PDB file of all heavy atoms in Angstrom:
ATOM      1  N   GLY A   1      98.697 102.815  95.378  1.00  0.00           N
ATOM      2  CA  GLY A   1      99.122 102.374  96.671  1.00  0.00           C
ATOM      3  C   GLY A   1      98.381 101.121  97.072  1.00  0.00           C
ATOM      4  O   GLY A   1      97.431 100.660  96.453  1.00  0.00           O
ATOM      5  N   ALA A   2      98.781 100.544  98.199  1.00  0.00           N
ATOM      6  CA  ALA A   2      98.191  99.312  98.662  1.00  0.00           C
ATOM      7  C   ALA A   2      96.845  99.524  99.278  1.00  0.00           C
ATOM      8  O   ALA A   2      96.003  98.638  99.394  1.00  0.00           O
ATOM      9  CB  ALA A   2      99.106  98.642  99.684  1.00  0.00           C
ATOM     10  N   GLY A   3      96.526 100.746  99.685  1.00  0.00           N
ATOM     11  CA  GLY A   3      95.270 101.030 100.333  1.00  0.00           C
ATOM     12  C   GLY A   3      94.131 101.262  99.425  1.00  0.00           C
ATOM     13  O   GLY A   3      93.040 101.552  99.868  1.00  0.00           O
ATOM     14  N   GLY A   4      94.269 101.141  98.112  1.00  0.00           N
ATOM     15  CA  GLY A   4      93.175 101.268  97.224  1.00  0.00           C
ATOM     16  C   GLY A   4      93.119 102.550  96.463  1.00  0.00           C
ATOM     17  O   GLY A   4      92.285 102.749  95.607  1.00  0.00           O
ATOM     18  N   GLY A   5      94.011 103.479  96.757  1.00  0.00           N
ATOM     19  CA  GLY A   5      94.073 104.690  95.943  1.00  0.00           C
ATOM     20  C   GLY A   5      93.222 105.839  96.437  1.00  0.00           C
ATOM     21  O   GLY A   5      92.967 106.767  95.756  1.00  0.00           O
ATOM     22  N   ALA A   6      92.786 105.772  97.705  1.00  0.00           N
ATOM     23  CA  ALA A   6      91.953 106.850  98.243  1.00  0.00           C
ATOM     24  C   ALA A   6      92.831 108.082  98.491  1.00  0.00           C
ATOM     25  O   ALA A   6      93.987 107.932  98.993  1.00  0.00           O
ATOM     26  CB  ALA A   6      91.286 106.403  99.516  1.00  0.00           C
ATOM     27  N   PHE A   7      92.341 109.247  98.120  1.00  0.00           N
ATOM     28  CA  PHE A   7      93.088 110.454  98.334  1.00  0.00           C
ATOM     29  C   PHE A   7      92.600 111.136  99.593  1.00  0.00           C
ATOM     30  O   PHE A   7      91.404 111.056  99.926  1.00  0.00           O
ATOM     31  CB  PHE A   7      92.893 111.431  97.156  1.00  0.00           C
ATOM     32  CG  PHE A   7      93.488 110.916  95.909  1.00  0.00           C
ATOM     33  CD1 PHE A   7      92.698 110.550  94.841  1.00  0.00           C
ATOM     34  CD2 PHE A   7      94.853 110.808  95.746  1.00  0.00           C
ATOM     35  CE1 PHE A   7      93.204 110.093  93.669  1.00  0.00           C
ATOM     36  CE2 PHE A   7      95.412 110.370  94.574  1.00  0.00           C
ATOM     37  CZ  PHE A   7      94.598 110.019  93.553  1.00  0.00           C
ATOM     38  N   PHE A   8      93.473 111.840 100.291  1.00  0.00           N
ATOM     39  CA  PHE A   8      93.071 112.609 101.448  1.00  0.00           C
ATOM     40  C   PHE A   8      93.744 113.978 101.284  1.00  0.00           C
ATOM     41  O   PHE A   8      94.954 114.061 101.251  1.00  0.00           O
ATOM     42  CB  PHE A   8      93.478 111.942 102.751  1.00  0.00           C
ATOM     43  CG  PHE A   8      93.146 112.758 103.938  1.00  0.00           C
ATOM     44  CD1 PHE A   8      91.853 112.788 104.422  1.00  0.00           C
ATOM     45  CD2 PHE A   8      94.120 113.537 104.593  1.00  0.00           C
ATOM     46  CE1 PHE A   8      91.527 113.533 105.521  1.00  0.00           C
ATOM     47  CE2 PHE A   8      93.778 114.299 105.697  1.00  0.00           C
ATOM     48  CZ  PHE A   8      92.484 114.299 106.155  1.00  0.00           C
ATOM     49  N   VAL A   9      92.958 115.000 101.160  1.00  0.00           N
ATOM     50  CA  VAL A   9      93.461 116.352 101.084  1.00  0.00           C
ATOM     51  C   VAL A   9      92.919 117.093 102.269  1.00  0.00           C
ATOM     52  O   VAL A   9      91.744 117.482 102.319  1.00  0.00           O
ATOM     53  CB  VAL A   9      93.019 117.060  99.780  1.00  0.00           C
ATOM     54  CG1 VAL A   9      93.542 118.442  99.731  1.00  0.00           C
ATOM     55  CG2 VAL A   9      93.461 116.247  98.584  1.00  0.00           C
ATOM     56  N   PRO A  10      93.739 117.275 103.307  1.00  0.00           N
ATOM     57  CA  PRO A  10      93.262 117.950 104.527  1.00  0.00           C
ATOM     58  C   PRO A  10      93.059 119.434 104.292  1.00  0.00           C
ATOM     59  O   PRO A  10      93.884 120.087 103.604  1.00  0.00           O
ATOM     60  CB  PRO A  10      94.400 117.735 105.522  1.00  0.00           C
ATOM     61  CG  PRO A  10      95.610 117.516 104.694  1.00  0.00           C
ATOM     62  CD  PRO A  10      95.140 116.865 103.402  1.00  0.00           C
ATOM     63  N   ALA A  11      92.001 119.951 104.776  1.00  0.00           N
ATOM     64  CA  ALA A  11      91.670 121.390 104.647  1.00  0.00           C
ATOM     65  C   ALA A  11      92.649 122.244 105.437  1.00  0.00           C
ATOM     66  O   ALA A  11      92.963 123.353 105.056  1.00  0.00           O
ATOM     67  CB  ALA A  11      90.241 121.668 105.075  1.00  0.00           C
ATOM     68  N   ASP A  12      93.121 121.718 106.558  1.00  0.00           N
ATOM     69  CA  ASP A  12      94.007 122.504 107.440  1.00  0.00           C
ATOM     70  C   ASP A  12      95.478 122.166 107.222  1.00  0.00           C
ATOM     71  O   ASP A  12      96.327 122.674 107.930  1.00  0.00           O
ATOM     72  CB  ASP A  12      93.598 122.298 108.870  1.00  0.00           C
ATOM     73  CG  ASP A  12      93.742 120.850 109.327  1.00  0.00           C
ATOM     74  OD1 ASP A  12      94.050 119.981 108.492  1.00  0.00           O
ATOM     75  OD2 ASP A  12      93.539 120.590 110.534  1.00  0.00           O
ATOM     76  N   GLY A  13      95.794 121.223 106.301  1.00  0.00           N
ATOM     77  CA  GLY A  13      97.177 120.876 106.029  1.00  0.00           C
ATOM     78  C   GLY A  13      97.725 119.852 106.983  1.00  0.00           C
ATOM     79  O   GLY A  13      98.903 119.555 106.971  1.00  0.00           O
ATOM     80  N   GLY A  14      96.873 119.263 107.821  1.00  0.00           N
ATOM     81  CA  GLY A  14      97.297 118.251 108.787  1.00  0.00           C
ATOM     82  C   GLY A  14      97.517 116.888 108.161  1.00  0.00           C
ATOM     83  O   GLY A  14      97.314 116.684 106.958  1.00  0.00           O
ATOM     84  N   ALA A  15      97.905 115.935 108.982  1.00  0.00           N
ATOM     85  CA  ALA A  15      98.173 114.589 108.517  1.00  0.00           C
ATOM     86  C   ALA A  15      96.835 113.844 108.310  1.00  0.00           C
ATOM     87  O   ALA A  15      95.837 114.169 108.980  1.00  0.00           O
ATOM     88  CB  ALA A  15      99.015 113.854 109.554  1.00  0.00           C
ATOM     89  N   PRO A  16      96.842 112.836 107.446  1.00  0.00           N
ATOM     90  CA  PRO A  16      95.606 112.069 107.208  1.00  0.00           C
ATOM     91  C   PRO A  16      95.284 111.211 108.470  1.00  0.00           C
ATOM     92  O   PRO A  16      96.153 110.845 109.211  1.00  0.00           O
ATOM     93  CB  PRO A  16      95.915 111.193 106.049  1.00  0.00           C
ATOM     94  CG  PRO A  16      97.402 111.132 105.938  1.00  0.00           C
ATOM     95  CD  PRO A  16      97.903 112.397 106.589  1.00  0.00           C
ATOM     96  N   PRO A  17      93.998 110.962 108.662  1.00  0.00           N
ATOM     97  CA  PRO A  17      93.613 110.118 109.794  1.00  0.00           C
ATOM     98  C   PRO A  17      94.023 108.674 109.590  1.00  0.00           C
ATOM     99  O   PRO A  17      94.223 108.214 108.452  1.00  0.00           O
ATOM    100  CB  PRO A  17      92.088 110.228 109.816  1.00  0.00           C
ATOM    101  CG  PRO A  17      91.712 110.507 108.398  1.00  0.00           C
ATOM    102  CD  PRO A  17      92.847 111.317 107.903  1.00  0.00           C
ATOM    103  N   PRO A  18      94.236 107.930 110.680  1.00  0.00           N
ATOM    104  CA  PRO A  18      94.655 106.535 110.519  1.00  0.00           C
ATOM    105  C   PRO A  18      93.503 105.737 109.892  1.00  0.00           C
ATOM    106  O   PRO A  18      92.341 106.019 110.124  1.00  0.00           O
ATOM    107  CB  PRO A  18      94.910 106.078 111.968  1.00  0.00           C
ATOM    108  CG  PRO A  18      94.222 107.054 112.799  1.00  0.00           C
ATOM    109  CD  PRO A  18      94.146 108.319 112.068  1.00  0.00           C
ATOM    110  N   THR A  19      93.853 104.771 109.055  1.00  0.00           N
ATOM    111  CA  THR A  19      92.876 103.957 108.354  1.00  0.00           C
ATOM    112  C   THR A  19      93.016 102.496 108.766  1.00  0.00           C
ATOM    113  O   THR A  19      94.078 102.007 109.110  1.00  0.00           O
ATOM    114  CB  THR A  19      93.038 104.061 106.818  1.00  0.00           C
ATOM    115  OG1 THR A  19      94.335 103.623 106.494  1.00  0.00           O
ATOM    116  CG2 THR A  19      92.819 105.484 106.362  1.00  0.00           C
ATOM    117  N   ASP A  20      91.853 101.805 108.711  1.00  0.00           N
ATOM    118  CA  ASP A  20      91.829 100.379 108.965  1.00  0.00           C
ATOM    119  C   ASP A  20      91.575  99.714 107.660  1.00  0.00           C
ATOM    120  O   ASP A  20      90.440  99.634 107.154  1.00  0.00           O
ATOM    121  CB  ASP A  20      90.720 100.059 109.979  1.00  0.00           C
ATOM    122  CG  ASP A  20      90.654  98.557 110.286  1.00  0.00           C
ATOM    123  OD1 ASP A  20      91.658  97.884 110.106  1.00  0.00           O
ATOM    124  OD2 ASP A  20      89.549  98.120 110.682  1.00  0.00           O
ATOM    125  N   ASP A  21      92.671  99.196 107.026  1.00  0.00           N
ATOM    126  CA  ASP A  21      92.562  98.589 105.700  1.00  0.00           C
ATOM    127  C   ASP A  21      92.288  97.112 105.711  1.00  0.00           C
ATOM    128  O   ASP A  21      92.231  96.488 104.675  1.00  0.00           O
ATOM    129  CB  ASP A  21      93.870  98.822 104.905  1.00  0.00           C
ATOM    130  CG  ASP A  21      94.050 100.304 104.591  1.00  0.00           C
ATOM    131  OD1 ASP A  21      93.041 101.004 104.573  1.00  0.00           O
ATOM    132  OD2 ASP A  21      95.212 100.706 104.390  1.00  0.00           O
ATOM    133  N   ALA A  22      92.061  96.519 106.865  1.00  0.00           N
ATOM    134  CA  ALA A  22      91.884  95.044 106.957  1.00  0.00           C
ATOM    135  C   ALA A  22      90.669  94.592 106.171  1.00  0.00           C
ATOM    136  O   ALA A  22      90.774  93.637 105.391  1.00  0.00           O
ATOM    137  CB  ALA A  22      91.776  94.638 108.434  1.00  0.00           C
ATOM    138  N   GLY A  23      89.516  95.165 106.340  1.00  0.00           N
ATOM    139  CA  GLY A  23      88.337  94.707 105.649  1.00  0.00           C
ATOM    140  C   GLY A  23      87.879  95.650 104.536  1.00  0.00           C
ATOM    141  O   GLY A  23      86.789  95.516 104.013  1.00  0.00           O
ATOM    142  N   ASP A  24      88.718  96.562 104.169  1.00  0.00           N
ATOM    143  CA  ASP A  24      88.364  97.589 103.187  1.00  0.00           C
ATOM    144  C   ASP A  24      88.961  97.245 101.833  1.00  0.00           C
ATOM    145  O   ASP A  24      90.068  97.606 101.546  1.00  0.00           O
ATOM    146  CB  ASP A  24      88.875  98.954 103.658  1.00  0.00           C
ATOM    147  CG  ASP A  24      88.265 100.098 102.872  1.00  0.00           C
ATOM    148  OD1 ASP A  24      87.184  99.875 102.262  1.00  0.00           O
ATOM    149  OD2 ASP A  24      88.854 101.185 102.874  1.00  0.00           O
ATOM    150  N   VAL A  25      88.193  96.514 101.029  1.00  0.00           N
ATOM    151  CA  VAL A  25      88.674  96.148  99.680  1.00  0.00           C
ATOM    152  C   VAL A  25      87.779  96.796  98.639  1.00  0.00           C
ATOM    153  O   VAL A  25      86.605  96.502  98.522  1.00  0.00           O
ATOM    154  CB  VAL A  25      88.635  94.589  99.525  1.00  0.00           C
ATOM    155  CG1 VAL A  25      89.080  94.221  98.123  1.00  0.00           C
ATOM    156  CG2 VAL A  25      89.469  93.917 100.591  1.00  0.00           C
ATOM    157  N   ASP A  26      88.381  97.767  97.929  1.00  0.00           N
ATOM    158  CA  ASP A  26      87.637  98.483  96.874  1.00  0.00           C
ATOM    159  C   ASP A  26      87.879  97.807  95.546  1.00  0.00           C
ATOM    160  O   ASP A  26      88.957  97.220  95.327  1.00  0.00           O
ATOM    161  CB  ASP A  26      88.098  99.925  96.804  1.00  0.00           C
ATOM    162  CG  ASP A  26      87.758 100.743  98.030  1.00  0.00           C
ATOM    163  OD1 ASP A  26      86.762 100.389  98.694  1.00  0.00           O
ATOM    164  OD2 ASP A  26      88.466 101.684  98.347  1.00  0.00           O
ATOM    165  N   GLU A  27      86.919  97.914  94.641  1.00  0.00           N
ATOM    166  CA  GLU A  27      87.113  97.427  93.305  1.00  0.00           C
ATOM    167  C   GLU A  27      88.088  98.347  92.567  1.00  0.00           C
ATOM    168  O   GLU A  27      88.180  99.544  92.895  1.00  0.00           O
ATOM    169  CB  GLU A  27      85.820  97.307  92.563  1.00  0.00           C
ATOM    170  CG  GLU A  27      85.123  98.609  92.296  1.00  0.00           C
ATOM    171  CD  GLU A  27      83.780  98.404  91.627  1.00  0.00           C
ATOM    172  OE1 GLU A  27      82.971  97.703  92.163  1.00  0.00           O
ATOM    173  OE2 GLU A  27      83.622  99.006  90.528  1.00  0.00           O
ATOM    174  N   PRO A  28      88.870  97.827  91.632  1.00  0.00           N
ATOM    175  CA  PRO A  28      89.813  98.687  90.924  1.00  0.00           C
ATOM    176  C   PRO A  28      89.120  99.787  90.140  1.00  0.00           C
ATOM    177  O   PRO A  28      88.014  99.626  89.649  1.00  0.00           O
ATOM    178  CB  PRO A  28      90.539  97.729  89.982  1.00  0.00           C
ATOM    179  CG  PRO A  28      89.878  96.381  90.104  1.00  0.00           C
ATOM    180  CD  PRO A  28      88.851  96.456  91.181  1.00  0.00           C
ATOM    181  N   GLN A  29      89.822 100.924  90.073  1.00  0.00           N
ATOM    182  CA  GLN A  29      89.219 102.083  89.384  1.00  0.00           C
ATOM    183  C   GLN A  29      89.663 102.065  87.926  1.00  0.00           C
ATOM    184  O   GLN A  29      90.786 101.640  87.601  1.00  0.00           O
ATOM    185  CB  GLN A  29      89.757 103.382  90.025  1.00  0.00           C
ATOM    186  CG  GLN A  29      89.226 103.614  91.412  1.00  0.00           C
ATOM    187  CD  GLN A  29      89.735 104.928  91.945  1.00  0.00           C
ATOM    188  OE1 GLN A  29      90.915 105.206  91.868  1.00  0.00           O
ATOM    189  NE2 GLN A  29      88.852 105.748  92.474  1.00  0.00           N
ATOM    190  N   THR A  30      88.805 102.588  87.071  1.00  0.00           N
ATOM    191  CA  THR A  30      89.145 102.764  85.680  1.00  0.00           C
ATOM    192  C   THR A  30      90.019 103.980  85.539  1.00  0.00           C
ATOM    193  O   THR A  30      90.138 104.817  86.426  1.00  0.00           O
ATOM    194  CB  THR A  30      87.896 102.931  84.823  1.00  0.00           C
ATOM    195  OG1 THR A  30      87.232 104.113  85.192  1.00  0.00           O
ATOM    196  CG2 THR A  30      86.960 101.732  84.948  1.00  0.00           C
ATOM    197  N   LEU A  31      90.662 104.089  84.390  1.00  0.00           N
ATOM    198  CA  LEU A  31      91.513 105.213  84.148  1.00  0.00           C
ATOM    199  C   LEU A  31      90.769 106.546  84.215  1.00  0.00           C
ATOM    200  O   LEU A  31      91.257 107.523  84.715  1.00  0.00           O
ATOM    201  CB  LEU A  31      92.239 105.073  82.770  1.00  0.00           C
ATOM    202  CG  LEU A  31      93.192 106.165  82.384  1.00  0.00           C
ATOM    203  CD1 LEU A  31      94.326 106.267  83.365  1.00  0.00           C
ATOM    204  CD2 LEU A  31      93.752 105.888  80.996  1.00  0.00           C
ATOM    205  N   LEU A  32      89.570 106.551  83.714  1.00  0.00           N
ATOM    206  CA  LEU A  32      88.721 107.743  83.735  1.00  0.00           C
ATOM    207  C   LEU A  32      88.439 108.209  85.168  1.00  0.00           C
ATOM    208  O   LEU A  32      88.511 109.404  85.498  1.00  0.00           O
ATOM    209  CB  LEU A  32      87.428 107.535  82.975  1.00  0.00           C
ATOM    210  CG  LEU A  32      86.535 108.757  82.773  1.00  0.00           C
ATOM    211  CD1 LEU A  32      87.279 109.855  82.044  1.00  0.00           C
ATOM    212  CD2 LEU A  32      85.291 108.334  81.990  1.00  0.00           C
ATOM    213  N   GLN A  33      88.151 107.259  86.053  1.00  0.00           N
ATOM    214  CA  GLN A  33      87.928 107.585  87.451  1.00  0.00           C
ATOM    215  C   GLN A  33      89.209 108.106  88.135  1.00  0.00           C
ATOM    216  O   GLN A  33      89.139 109.050  88.899  1.00  0.00           O
ATOM    217  CB  GLN A  33      87.404 106.357  88.204  1.00  0.00           C
ATOM    218  CG  GLN A  33      86.034 105.919  87.759  1.00  0.00           C
ATOM    219  CD  GLN A  33      85.691 104.542  88.271  1.00  0.00           C
ATOM    220  OE1 GLN A  33      86.538 103.739  88.579  1.00  0.00           O
ATOM    221  NE2 GLN A  33      84.399 104.269  88.382  1.00  0.00           N
ATOM    222  N   ILE A  34      90.326 107.533  87.804  1.00  0.00           N
ATOM    223  CA  ILE A  34      91.602 107.948  88.377  1.00  0.00           C
ATOM    224  C   ILE A  34      91.908 109.362  87.909  1.00  0.00           C
ATOM    225  O   ILE A  34      92.323 110.224  88.721  1.00  0.00           O
ATOM    226  CB  ILE A  34      92.726 107.007  87.980  1.00  0.00           C
ATOM    227  CG1 ILE A  34      92.553 105.645  88.679  1.00  0.00           C
ATOM    228  CG2 ILE A  34      94.098 107.587  88.309  1.00  0.00           C
ATOM    229  CD1 ILE A  34      93.459 104.543  88.153  1.00  0.00           C
ATOM    230  N   LEU A  35      91.694 109.655  86.661  1.00  0.00           N
ATOM    231  CA  LEU A  35      91.971 111.015  86.157  1.00  0.00           C
ATOM    232  C   LEU A  35      91.073 112.086  86.751  1.00  0.00           C
ATOM    233  O   LEU A  35      91.514 113.179  87.034  1.00  0.00           O
ATOM    234  CB  LEU A  35      91.846 111.031  84.617  1.00  0.00           C
ATOM    235  CG  LEU A  35      92.909 110.261  83.863  1.00  0.00           C
ATOM    236  CD1 LEU A  35      92.586 110.183  82.402  1.00  0.00           C
ATOM    237  CD2 LEU A  35      94.291 110.883  84.085  1.00  0.00           C
ATOM    238  N   SER A  36      89.804 111.730  87.007  1.00  0.00           N
ATOM    239  CA  SER A  36      88.923 112.711  87.623  1.00  0.00           C
ATOM    240  C   SER A  36      89.355 112.971  89.069  1.00  0.00           C
ATOM    241  O   SER A  36      89.257 114.080  89.583  1.00  0.00           O
ATOM    242  CB  SER A  36      87.457 112.277  87.572  1.00  0.00           C
ATOM    243  OG  SER A  36      87.221 111.134  88.359  1.00  0.00           O
ATOM    244  N   GLU A  37      89.848 111.923  89.758  1.00  0.00           N
ATOM    245  CA  GLU A  37      90.377 112.146  91.104  1.00  0.00           C
ATOM    246  C   GLU A  37      91.633 113.000  91.093  1.00  0.00           C
ATOM    247  O   GLU A  37      91.811 113.856  91.974  1.00  0.00           O
ATOM    248  CB  GLU A  37      90.676 110.802  91.786  1.00  0.00           C
ATOM    249  CG  GLU A  37      89.459 110.108  92.323  1.00  0.00           C
ATOM    250  CD  GLU A  37      89.841 108.853  93.113  1.00  0.00           C
ATOM    251  OE1 GLU A  37      91.019 108.642  93.335  1.00  0.00           O
ATOM    252  OE2 GLU A  37      88.890 108.155  93.476  1.00  0.00           O
ATOM    253  N   HIS A  38      92.498 112.777  90.106  1.00  0.00           N
ATOM    254  CA  HIS A  38      93.732 113.568  90.030  1.00  0.00           C
ATOM    255  C   HIS A  38      93.401 115.038  89.706  1.00  0.00           C
ATOM    256  O   HIS A  38      94.032 115.953  90.284  1.00  0.00           O
ATOM    257  CB  HIS A  38      94.614 113.017  88.918  1.00  0.00           C
ATOM    258  CG  HIS A  38      95.316 111.762  89.328  1.00  0.00           C
ATOM    259  ND1 HIS A  38      96.501 111.367  88.793  1.00  0.00           N
ATOM    260  CD2 HIS A  38      94.983 110.784  90.213  1.00  0.00           C
ATOM    261  CE1 HIS A  38      96.887 110.245  89.331  1.00  0.00           C
ATOM    262  NE2 HIS A  38      95.976 109.833  90.177  1.00  0.00           N
ATOM    263  N   LEU A  39      92.406 115.284  88.874  1.00  0.00           N
ATOM    264  CA  LEU A  39      91.992 116.663  88.620  1.00  0.00           C
ATOM    265  C   LEU A  39      91.442 117.310  89.848  1.00  0.00           C
ATOM    266  O   LEU A  39      91.790 118.459  90.185  1.00  0.00           O
ATOM    267  CB  LEU A  39      90.946 116.698  87.505  1.00  0.00           C
ATOM    268  CG  LEU A  39      90.394 118.086  87.128  1.00  0.00           C
ATOM    269  CD1 LEU A  39      91.522 118.990  86.653  1.00  0.00           C
ATOM    270  CD2 LEU A  39      89.313 117.971  86.072  1.00  0.00           C
ATOM    271  N   SER A  40      90.656 116.607  90.599  1.00  0.00           N
ATOM    272  CA  SER A  40      90.085 117.130  91.855  1.00  0.00           C
ATOM    273  C   SER A  40      91.193 117.422  92.866  1.00  0.00           C
ATOM    274  O   SER A  40      91.224 118.497  93.502  1.00  0.00           O
ATOM    275  CB  SER A  40      89.116 116.118  92.494  1.00  0.00           C
ATOM    276  OG  SER A  40      88.634 116.569  93.691  1.00  0.00           O
ATOM    277  N   LEU A  41      92.155 116.505  92.958  1.00  0.00           N
ATOM    278  CA  LEU A  41      93.308 116.712  93.848  1.00  0.00           C
ATOM    279  C   LEU A  41      94.123 117.951  93.398  1.00  0.00           C
ATOM    280  O   LEU A  41      94.550 118.772  94.253  1.00  0.00           O
ATOM    281  CB  LEU A  41      94.203 115.497  93.847  1.00  0.00           C
ATOM    282  CG  LEU A  41      95.482 115.564  94.682  1.00  0.00           C
ATOM    283  CD1 LEU A  41      95.147 115.597  96.156  1.00  0.00           C
ATOM    284  CD2 LEU A  41      96.368 114.391  94.359  1.00  0.00           C
ATOM    285  N   ALA A  42      94.330 118.114  92.120  1.00  0.00           N
ATOM    286  CA  ALA A  42      95.089 119.260  91.617  1.00  0.00           C
ATOM    287  C   ALA A  42      94.376 120.559  91.896  1.00  0.00           C
ATOM    288  O   ALA A  42      95.001 121.542  92.328  1.00  0.00           O
ATOM    289  CB  ALA A  42      95.343 119.103  90.116  1.00  0.00           C
ATOM    290  N   PHE A  43      93.048 120.600  91.721  1.00  0.00           N
ATOM    291  CA  PHE A  43      92.269 121.787  92.031  1.00  0.00           C
ATOM    292  C   PHE A  43      92.370 122.142  93.500  1.00  0.00           C
ATOM    293  O   PHE A  43      92.591 123.299  93.876  1.00  0.00           O
ATOM    294  CB  PHE A  43      90.785 121.596  91.680  1.00  0.00           C
ATOM    295  CG  PHE A  43      90.477 121.896  90.231  1.00  0.00           C
ATOM    296  CD1 PHE A  43      89.509 121.163  89.605  1.00  0.00           C
ATOM    297  CD2 PHE A  43      91.094 122.889  89.522  1.00  0.00           C
ATOM    298  CE1 PHE A  43      89.166 121.401  88.264  1.00  0.00           C
ATOM    299  CE2 PHE A  43      90.784 123.168  88.196  1.00  0.00           C
ATOM    300  CZ  PHE A  43      89.805 122.382  87.579  1.00  0.00           C
ATOM    301  N   LEU A  44      92.202 121.146  94.358  1.00  0.00           N
ATOM    302  CA  LEU A  44      92.220 121.406  95.797  1.00  0.00           C
ATOM    303  C   LEU A  44      93.590 121.856  96.298  1.00  0.00           C
ATOM    304  O   LEU A  44      93.702 122.774  97.111  1.00  0.00           O
ATOM    305  CB  LEU A  44      91.752 120.149  96.574  1.00  0.00           C
ATOM    306  CG  LEU A  44      90.279 119.857  96.436  1.00  0.00           C
ATOM    307  CD1 LEU A  44      89.972 118.475  97.081  1.00  0.00           C
ATOM    308  CD2 LEU A  44      89.399 120.910  97.039  1.00  0.00           C
TER     309      LEU A  44
END
């Protein structure tokens, strides 16, 4: 996504909080980092 790929998994099932993406520029993630995030998301 355009926001840098941050995941939000709410504990209560609610909507994610609003984000301010204007000054938030993350460096691109490697494939290994992406896969570890996907595994974490799948577990949660």
